[in-house]
Structures are given as C-alpha cells and as structure tokens.
C-alpha cells in the first residue's frame, strides 16, 4: 500500500497526460467541427432574430 503514496505524483501525471491527449483527439476530430461552428454562432442568434423580425 505504501507504493501508492510513493508513486502518487507519477500516477497523477500519467492520468492527466492521458486525459489531455484523449480530450485533444476528441475535440479536434473532423465530426465535431459543425458542432463547434454552431456554438460559435450562438452570440449572433439574437441579432439574426431581431433582423428577421424587422
């Protein structure tokens, strides 16, 4: 059980490096571009609605 305390920093570092790598691959996959483009346009939706209503 003492080895967990001894290697805790290394285990934590490996966990967060693996998490960062998985998140980076997941975020930059080609399929997600459309979703992020839609998220990027959210602030402008109110302006588009107001322009249509006028």
N, C-alpha and C. Protein backbone atom coordinates (compact mmCIF):
# COMPACT_ATOMS: atom_id res chain seq x y z
N UNK A 1 0.82 -1.20 0.00
CA UNK A 1 0.00 0.00 0.00
C UNK A 1 0.86 1.26 0.00
N UNK A 2 2.08 1.14 0.53
CA UNK A 2 2.96 2.29 0.57
C UNK A 2 3.43 2.73 -0.81
N UNK A 3 3.40 1.81 -1.77
CA UNK A 3 3.84 2.17 -3.12
C UNK A 3 2.89 3.17 -3.77
N UNK A 4 1.62 3.16 -3.39
CA UNK A 4 0.65 4.13 -3.94
C UNK A 4 1.04 5.54 -3.52
N UNK A 5 1.39 5.70 -2.27
CA UNK A 5 1.82 7.02 -1.79
C UNK A 5 3.12 7.42 -2.45
N UNK A 6 4.02 6.48 -2.64
CA UNK A 6 5.31 6.76 -3.25
C UNK A 6 5.16 7.18 -4.71
N UNK A 7 4.29 6.53 -5.45
CA UNK A 7 4.14 6.80 -6.88
C UNK A 7 2.91 7.66 -7.21
N UNK A 8 2.27 8.24 -6.24
CA UNK A 8 1.07 9.05 -6.49
C UNK A 8 1.33 10.20 -7.46
N UNK A 9 2.43 10.96 -7.32
CA UNK A 9 2.66 12.03 -8.30
C UNK A 9 2.81 11.52 -9.73
N UNK A 10 3.50 10.41 -9.90
CA UNK A 10 3.68 9.84 -11.23
C UNK A 10 2.36 9.32 -11.79
N UNK A 11 1.58 8.67 -10.97
CA UNK A 11 0.28 8.16 -11.40
C UNK A 11 -0.64 9.33 -11.79
N UNK A 12 -0.64 10.37 -11.00
CA UNK A 12 -1.45 11.55 -11.31
C UNK A 12 -1.00 12.21 -12.60
N UNK A 13 0.31 12.34 -12.79
CA UNK A 13 0.83 12.93 -14.02
C UNK A 13 0.43 12.10 -15.23
N UNK A 14 0.58 10.80 -15.16
CA UNK A 14 0.20 9.94 -16.29
C UNK A 14 -1.29 10.00 -16.57
N UNK A 15 -2.10 10.07 -15.52
CA UNK A 15 -3.54 10.18 -15.70
C UNK A 15 -3.90 11.47 -16.43
N UNK A 16 -3.35 12.60 -16.00
CA UNK A 16 -3.71 13.86 -16.62
C UNK A 16 -3.13 14.03 -18.02
N UNK A 17 -1.97 13.44 -18.29
CA UNK A 17 -1.44 13.47 -19.65
C UNK A 17 -2.33 12.63 -20.57
N UNK A 18 -2.74 11.47 -20.11
CA UNK A 18 -3.63 10.64 -20.91
C UNK A 18 -4.98 11.33 -21.11
N UNK A 19 -5.52 11.97 -20.07
CA UNK A 19 -6.78 12.69 -20.18
C UNK A 19 -6.66 13.83 -21.19
N UNK A 20 -5.57 14.58 -21.12
CA UNK A 20 -5.35 15.69 -22.05
C UNK A 20 -5.25 15.18 -23.49
N UNK A 21 -4.55 14.08 -23.70
CA UNK A 21 -4.40 13.53 -25.04
C UNK A 21 -5.75 13.06 -25.59
N UNK A 22 -6.53 12.38 -24.78
CA UNK A 22 -7.84 11.90 -25.23
C UNK A 22 -8.76 13.08 -25.53
N UNK A 23 -8.77 14.09 -24.68
CA UNK A 23 -9.63 15.25 -24.92
C UNK A 23 -9.20 16.01 -26.17
N UNK A 24 -7.91 16.11 -26.41
CA UNK A 24 -7.43 16.80 -27.60
C UNK A 24 -7.86 16.07 -28.87
N UNK A 25 -7.71 14.77 -28.88
CA UNK A 25 -8.14 13.98 -30.05
C UNK A 25 -9.64 14.09 -30.23
N UNK A 26 -10.38 14.02 -29.14
CA UNK A 26 -11.85 14.09 -29.22
C UNK A 26 -12.31 15.46 -29.72
N UNK A 27 -11.67 16.53 -29.27
CA UNK A 27 -12.10 17.87 -29.67
C UNK A 27 -11.76 18.19 -31.11
N UNK A 28 -10.65 17.67 -31.60
CA UNK A 28 -10.20 18.02 -32.94
C UNK A 28 -10.59 16.98 -34.00
N UNK A 29 -11.50 16.09 -33.68
CA UNK A 29 -11.95 15.15 -34.69
C UNK A 29 -12.80 15.90 -35.72
N UNK A 30 -12.76 15.49 -36.96
CA UNK A 30 -13.47 16.23 -38.01
C UNK A 30 -14.98 16.35 -37.79
N UNK A 31 -15.57 15.36 -37.16
CA UNK A 31 -17.02 15.36 -36.99
C UNK A 31 -17.48 16.50 -36.07
N UNK A 32 -16.64 16.97 -35.17
CA UNK A 32 -17.06 17.97 -34.20
C UNK A 32 -17.02 19.40 -34.75
N UNK A 33 -16.48 19.61 -35.94
CA UNK A 33 -16.36 20.96 -36.49
C UNK A 33 -17.73 21.63 -36.64
N UNK A 34 -18.71 20.92 -37.13
CA UNK A 34 -20.04 21.50 -37.30
C UNK A 34 -20.64 21.92 -35.96
N UNK A 35 -20.45 21.12 -34.95
CA UNK A 35 -20.99 21.44 -33.64
C UNK A 35 -20.31 22.69 -33.07
N UNK A 36 -19.00 22.79 -33.22
CA UNK A 36 -18.30 23.96 -32.70
C UNK A 36 -18.62 25.21 -33.50
N UNK A 37 -18.86 25.07 -34.79
CA UNK A 37 -19.30 26.23 -35.58
C UNK A 37 -20.67 26.72 -35.10
N UNK A 38 -21.55 25.79 -34.77
CA UNK A 38 -22.86 26.17 -34.25
C UNK A 38 -22.71 26.86 -32.89
N UNK A 39 -21.83 26.36 -32.04
CA UNK A 39 -21.58 27.00 -30.75
C UNK A 39 -20.99 28.40 -30.93
N UNK A 40 -20.14 28.57 -31.93
CA UNK A 40 -19.51 29.87 -32.17
C UNK A 40 -20.51 30.92 -32.60
N UNK A 41 -21.62 30.51 -33.21
CA UNK A 41 -22.61 31.45 -33.71
C UNK A 41 -23.73 31.75 -32.71
N UNK A 42 -23.70 31.15 -31.55
CA UNK A 42 -24.75 31.37 -30.55
C UNK A 42 -24.89 32.85 -30.18
N UNK A 43 -23.82 33.60 -29.97
CA UNK A 43 -23.99 35.02 -29.61
C UNK A 43 -24.68 35.85 -30.68
N UNK A 44 -24.62 35.41 -31.92
CA UNK A 44 -25.20 36.18 -33.02
C UNK A 44 -26.64 35.80 -33.33
N UNK A 45 -27.18 34.77 -32.69
CA UNK A 45 -28.53 34.32 -32.99
C UNK A 45 -29.58 35.37 -32.64
N UNK A 46 -29.39 36.09 -31.54
CA UNK A 46 -30.35 37.14 -31.18
C UNK A 46 -30.36 38.24 -32.22
N UNK A 47 -29.18 38.60 -32.73
CA UNK A 47 -29.13 39.63 -33.77
C UNK A 47 -29.83 39.18 -35.04
N UNK A 48 -29.67 37.91 -35.38
CA UNK A 48 -30.34 37.40 -36.58
C UNK A 48 -31.85 37.37 -36.40
N UNK A 49 -32.32 37.01 -35.20
CA UNK A 49 -33.75 37.01 -34.94
C UNK A 49 -34.32 38.41 -35.01
N UNK A 50 -33.60 39.39 -34.45
CA UNK A 50 -34.08 40.78 -34.49
C UNK A 50 -34.09 41.29 -35.93
N UNK A 51 -33.11 40.93 -36.72
CA UNK A 51 -33.06 41.38 -38.10
C UNK A 51 -34.21 40.77 -38.91
N UNK A 52 -34.59 39.54 -38.62
CA UNK A 52 -35.69 38.91 -39.33
C UNK A 52 -37.03 39.51 -38.95
N UNK A 53 -37.16 39.90 -37.67
CA UNK A 53 -38.41 40.44 -37.20
C UNK A 53 -38.68 41.86 -37.71
N UNK A 54 -37.64 42.56 -38.06
CA UNK A 54 -37.83 43.96 -38.51
C UNK A 54 -38.30 44.06 -39.92
